[in-house]
Amino acid sequence: MSKVAIIGDKTSVLGFTALGLDAYPVVDMKEARDIWSRIKDLDYGVIFLTEPVYWEIKDLLIEVAEELAPAVLIIPPTTGGVGLGLQRLRRIVEKAVGVDILAKEEEE
């Protein structure tokens, strides 16, 4: 069975351990690159990244972009985010169905 991991600042990720996720807290965002290199090929079906981590390792994600696993999802940090995860999801859905159905639901 696949596991789930989360990489981000300590405050944002440690609470997820109560849900059974493997948390990888980073103090310096440069650590995120090392963590990603260590865990990307492990048995993770999903890896959550906080937005700052995503920006730090964005170039490394190309390695798994076309793979089914791990699915990489972006979440806001506890300090608040810019909605990057939703924007990315919107692009994926629009590419799959040809229309931005998420924006239409928001307008209603």
C-alpha atoms as a PDB file:
ATOM      1  CA  MET A   1       0.000   0.000   0.000  1.00  0.00           C
ATOM      2  CA  SER A   2       1.292   3.458  -0.878  1.00  0.00           C
ATOM      3  CA  LYS A   3       2.152   5.919   1.818  1.00  0.00           C
ATOM      4  CA  VAL A   4       1.618   9.677   1.949  1.00  0.00           C
ATOM      5  CA  ALA A   5       4.291  12.250   2.774  1.00  0.00           C
ATOM      6  CA  ILE A   6       4.340  15.976   3.367  1.00  0.00           C
ATOM      7  CA  ILE A   7       7.294  18.359   3.070  1.00  0.00           C
ATOM      8  CA  GLY A   8       7.170  21.864   4.485  1.00  0.00           C
ATOM      9  CA  ASP A   9       7.925  24.081   7.435  1.00  0.00           C
ATOM     10  CA  LYS A  10       7.599  22.437  10.836  1.00  0.00           C
ATOM     11  CA  THR A  11       4.432  24.272  11.843  1.00  0.00           C
ATOM     12  CA  SER A  12       2.664  23.337   8.619  1.00  0.00           C
ATOM     13  CA  VAL A  13       3.544  19.631   8.515  1.00  0.00           C
ATOM     14  CA  LEU A  14       3.808  18.134  11.992  1.00  0.00           C
ATOM     15  CA  GLY A  15       0.057  18.032  12.607  1.00  0.00           C
ATOM     16  CA  PHE A  16      -0.328  15.702   9.637  1.00  0.00           C
ATOM     17  CA  THR A  17       1.537  12.941  11.476  1.00  0.00           C
ATOM     18  CA  ALA A  18      -1.642  12.405  13.521  1.00  0.00           C
ATOM     19  CA  LEU A  19      -3.340  11.460  10.242  1.00  0.00           C
ATOM     20  CA  GLY A  20      -0.640   8.930   9.421  1.00  0.00           C
ATOM     21  CA  LEU A  21       1.367  11.003   6.968  1.00  0.00           C
ATOM     22  CA  ASP A  22       5.159  10.925   7.011  1.00  0.00           C
ATOM     23  CA  ALA A  23       6.165  14.506   7.775  1.00  0.00           C
ATOM     24  CA  TYR A  24       9.440  15.970   6.591  1.00  0.00           C
ATOM     25  CA  PRO A  25       9.868  19.373   8.234  1.00  0.00           C
ATOM     26  CA  VAL A  26      12.411  21.777   6.759  1.00  0.00           C
ATOM     27  CA  VAL A  27      14.033  24.692   8.529  1.00  0.00           C
ATOM     28  CA  ASP A  28      15.912  26.069   5.544  1.00  0.00           C
ATOM     29  CA  MET A  29      14.127  25.655   2.211  1.00  0.00           C
ATOM     30  CA  LYS A  30      17.376  24.344   0.695  1.00  0.00           C
ATOM     31  CA  GLU A  31      16.816  21.213   2.831  1.00  0.00           C
ATOM     32  CA  ALA A  32      13.739  20.489   0.732  1.00  0.00           C
ATOM     33  CA  ARG A  33      15.942  19.566  -2.231  1.00  0.00           C
ATOM     34  CA  ASP A  34      17.785  16.939  -0.177  1.00  0.00           C
ATOM     35  CA  ILE A  35      14.563  15.548   1.265  1.00  0.00           C
ATOM     36  CA  TRP A  36      12.986  15.323  -2.183  1.00  0.00           C
ATOM     37  CA  SER A  37      16.000  13.446  -3.522  1.00  0.00           C
ATOM     38  CA  ARG A  38      15.760  10.957  -0.647  1.00  0.00           C
ATOM     39  CA  ILE A  39      12.017  10.245  -0.814  1.00  0.00           C
ATOM     40  CA  LYS A  40      10.923  10.656  -4.447  1.00  0.00           C
ATOM     41  CA  ASP A  41      11.615   7.006  -5.267  1.00  0.00           C
ATOM     42  CA  LEU A  42      10.165   5.552  -2.060  1.00  0.00           C
ATOM     43  CA  ASP A  43       6.705   3.977  -1.939  1.00  0.00           C
ATOM     44  CA  TYR A  44       4.753   7.256  -1.707  1.00  0.00           C
ATOM     45  CA  GLY A  45       1.538   7.465  -3.669  1.00  0.00           C
ATOM     46  CA  VAL A  46       1.073  11.126  -2.760  1.00  0.00           C
ATOM     47  CA  ILE A  47       3.538  13.775  -1.654  1.00  0.00           C
ATOM     48  CA  PHE A  48       2.169  17.077  -0.390  1.00  0.00           C
ATOM     49  CA  LEU A  49       4.389  20.139  -0.670  1.00  0.00           C
ATOM     50  CA  THR A  50       3.790  23.495   0.933  1.00  0.00           C
ATOM     51  CA  GLU A  51       3.939  26.374  -1.546  1.00  0.00           C
ATOM     52  CA  PRO A  52       7.415  27.574  -0.452  1.00  0.00           C
ATOM     53  CA  VAL A  53       8.805  24.048  -0.869  1.00  0.00           C
ATOM     54  CA  TYR A  54       7.204  23.795  -4.302  1.00  0.00           C
ATOM     55  CA  TRP A  55       8.932  26.999  -5.413  1.00  0.00           C
ATOM     56  CA  GLU A  56      12.263  25.709  -4.087  1.00  0.00           C
ATOM     57  CA  ILE A  57      12.152  22.310  -5.836  1.00  0.00           C
ATOM     58  CA  LYS A  58       9.972  23.068  -8.855  1.00  0.00           C
ATOM     59  CA  ASP A  59      12.788  22.177 -11.255  1.00  0.00           C
ATOM     60  CA  LEU A  60      13.195  18.737  -9.640  1.00  0.00           C
ATOM     61  CA  LEU A  61       9.522  17.838 -10.100  1.00  0.00           C
ATOM     62  CA  ILE A  62       9.998  17.380 -13.829  1.00  0.00           C
ATOM     63  CA  GLU A  63      11.375  13.910 -12.988  1.00  0.00           C
ATOM     64  CA  VAL A  64       7.937  12.718 -11.826  1.00  0.00           C
ATOM     65  CA  ALA A  65       5.651  14.928 -13.912  1.00  0.00           C
ATOM     66  CA  GLU A  66       4.608  12.162 -16.308  1.00  0.00           C
ATOM     67  CA  GLU A  67       4.515   9.376 -13.709  1.00  0.00           C
ATOM     68  CA  LEU A  68       1.348   8.126 -12.033  1.00  0.00           C
ATOM     69  CA  ALA A  69       3.022   8.082  -8.643  1.00  0.00           C
ATOM     70  CA  PRO A  70       3.858   9.924  -6.657  1.00  0.00           C
ATOM     71  CA  ALA A  71       1.113  12.459  -7.180  1.00  0.00           C
ATOM     72  CA  VAL A  72       2.485  15.823  -6.063  1.00  0.00           C
ATOM     73  CA  LEU A  73      -0.050  18.178  -4.508  1.00  0.00           C
ATOM     74  CA  ILE A  74       0.578  21.723  -3.339  1.00  0.00           C
ATOM     75  CA  ILE A  75      -0.949  23.067  -0.142  1.00  0.00           C
ATOM     76  CA  PRO A  76      -0.690  26.477   1.501  1.00  0.00           C
ATOM     77  CA  PRO A  77       1.565  26.864   4.542  1.00  0.00           C
ATOM     78  CA  THR A  78       0.075  27.886   7.880  1.00  0.00           C
ATOM     79  CA  THR A  79       1.157  31.456   7.143  1.00  0.00           C
ATOM     80  CA  GLY A  80      -1.222  31.536   4.170  1.00  0.00           C
ATOM     81  CA  GLY A  81      -0.704  30.882   0.519  1.00  0.00           C
ATOM     82  CA  VAL A  82      -1.468  32.351  -2.853  1.00  0.00           C
ATOM     83  CA  GLY A  83      -3.760  29.557  -4.070  1.00  0.00           C
ATOM     84  CA  LEU A  84      -1.078  27.831  -6.106  1.00  0.00           C
ATOM     85  CA  GLY A  85      -2.557  24.375  -5.502  1.00  0.00           C
ATOM     86  CA  LEU A  86      -5.973  25.389  -6.805  1.00  0.00           C
ATOM     87  CA  GLN A  87      -4.441  27.134  -9.820  1.00  0.00           C
ATOM     88  CA  ARG A  88      -2.469  24.013 -10.672  1.00  0.00           C
ATOM     89  CA  LEU A  89      -5.522  21.776 -10.211  1.00  0.00           C
ATOM     90  CA  ARG A  90      -7.554  24.096 -12.420  1.00  0.00           C
ATOM     91  CA  ARG A  91      -4.973  23.786 -15.240  1.00  0.00           C
ATOM     92  CA  ILE A  92      -4.934  19.983 -14.940  1.00  0.00           C
ATOM     93  CA  VAL A  93      -8.735  19.723 -15.068  1.00  0.00           C
ATOM     94  CA  GLU A  94      -8.967  22.166 -17.964  1.00  0.00           C
ATOM     95  CA  LYS A  95      -6.377  20.163 -19.890  1.00  0.00           C
ATOM     96  CA  ALA A  96      -8.272  16.928 -19.208  1.00  0.00           C
ATOM     97  CA  VAL A  97     -11.808  18.099 -20.047  1.00  0.00           C
ATOM     98  CA  GLY A  98     -11.098  21.074 -22.296  1.00  0.00           C
ATOM     99  CA  VAL A  99     -12.937  23.599 -20.140  1.00  0.00           C
ATOM    100  CA  ASP A 100     -12.362  25.288 -16.783  1.00  0.00           C
ATOM    101  CA  ILE A 101     -15.204  23.655 -14.856  1.00  0.00           C
ATOM    102  CA  LEU A 102     -13.806  24.705 -11.486  1.00  0.00           C
ATOM    103  CA  ALA A 103     -14.143  28.408 -12.239  1.00  0.00           C
ATOM    104  CA  LYS A 104     -17.763  27.938 -13.259  1.00  0.00           C
ATOM    105  CA  GLU A 105     -18.547  26.271  -9.939  1.00  0.00           C
ATOM    106  CA  GLU A 106     -16.961  29.184  -8.046  1.00  0.00           C
ATOM    107  CA  GLU A 107     -19.154  31.722  -9.865  1.00  0.00           C
ATOM    108  CA  GLU A 108     -22.421  30.030  -8.850  1.00  0.00           C
END
